[in-house]
Amino acid sequence: MLRHSLTRAARAMCSIPIGTSNASVRSAVFSHNVAFNGIRAIHSSPVRFESSFSTNSLDVLPKVDLTANSTSNITITPPQGSAFHRPRQFTTTLNPIWLRDNCPCPECIHPSTRQKLHASSQVPLDMAPASHRVLPEGLEVTWSKGLDDVGDWEEPAKAQPGHKSLYPWDMILGSYGGTPTEHRATTRMNHKPILWDKKMMEEKVLWLNYEEYMNTPEGLYKGLRHLQDYGLFFLKGMPTKDDEVATAAERIGHLRHTFYGRTWDVKSVPNAKNVAYTNLNLGLHMDLLYLEAPPGLQLLHSLENSVPGGTSIFMDSFKAVELLKKEYPEDYEILTKIPNTFHYRNADHHLHYNRTTIVVDPLNDSLTVNYSPPFQGPLELPAEQMATFYRALKRFASYIEQPDLQFRHTMRPGECMVFANRRVLHARTAFDPSKGSRHLKGCYVDLDMFKDKYRTVMAAKEEGKF
């Protein structure tokens, strides 16, 4: 009943007829970007798709090779020199099942929730187009079959043939062009990171005024883009208020609340439960790798710093991975396969997690590094793997400790470092608390929150909204 009601509401709100082929400008029920299996589908409210081509010049429209009532793949070839031509992919090939599953009409995608109103498993495996039309605004397909497994809780019409779909050219042309990496970089905005060393970061480091970051879309864009590219930027002119770091973090996304609290203080205290809360040298590391999902971003805001020492150090772990893979490929492979152990067992907490040092995720175009010597637990490996693992880890660490790969800065009050916890290693030199005070305030933001904000801000930038 719920889906039946939603579908009827969707029809009432958004359904509009598809006009005749004579119109060069048609109305369609598509407007907002949403991802379907990596494709940008557009839907939810009527907008007009304009075409500079008249219907008397159909030769400039894409050529569609489609056999009615056939389950064969559909090929689309835009004429070279036309507005539909995609230089990196001359021909687009589409599977009929995928095409029907991703129909962007309001009967298949709810216009306000933007969520599918059917399951992929409901599309018959012998789904085929009954007919089609090539229109200036997209490919219109009438389907030979309805959806399977339609019960009384859903609109019975879905079980009938004749459903009509309109696919905007921007949605389907070049859908899987180039390599999967290139495609995902476009649809998910997973832009390739820029690997850096000391010299490059000294030239490229971003110092962003806090007021600009907090109050302008351009300022937020600069910070987010620098995080995506380099994994690190700094804020300056930030009020030295106790909880201001939370305000800065929430400009990106919700705070990650951990057992350290919503925010936490980094300063030397007696009987510390974490090496960060001492005045000792703290080597390059990442935070909270003993959690199933370590936070993606970390912010550290300097409230006080009058001690000798306490210099912050940063290093791009992706650069170390690149060097290891190039010079010691066998050790690179070992660190992608043999897990390390991370744990925290103190202050009535016992956290434990095994993960490989290098994680390559081709499905999501992501590289993740897990390196945190202070929180490494006893390895849980067969004895015959120990020497192999330690050799590979030692070689990896040799790159991490190279001074020419490290960027150093002593934080001043009112400055805040913002960095990617799963990429940028951070450290601190020892300091003397008897000769002053050093107080940083920190918090975390999950990687999903960053990616969400980054993609929406990037889209707004591309659309000329600021």
Foldseek 3Di string as FASTA:
>chain_A
DVLAVLLVVLCVQADDDFDDQQDQKTKDAFADFDDDLLFTFTGAHIDIDHDPDGSVPCLQFWDWDFDALFQDWIKTAGDPPHPLADVQDRMFIGGQLSCVQPFHGCNQAPRPVRDGSDDSVFRDPSKGFRDWDGHNFFIKTFIPAATHPDDPVHDPCRGGGGDIGGGGSSRGRCCPGDDVVVSNCVRLVQDDAAAAAAVVCVVVAAEQEPCCCLPDLVSVLVVLVCCSHPFKYKYFQADLDQCSQCVSCVSQNHFDADPCGSKHKQDADPPDLDPSNHLAWWDWFFPDPLDPADAFKKKKAWNDDDWPFWKKKKFFLVVLLVVCCVPPVVLSVLLQPFWFKFWRDDDPDTGIDIDRQWHQDVVNRDIFGHGHVVGTDPGPDDPVCVVSNVVSVVSSVVVVPDNRRMHIDRDHHRMMMMGTRRTMIMITHGTDVVRTTTMMMMTGHHPVSSSVSNVVSVVCVVVVVD
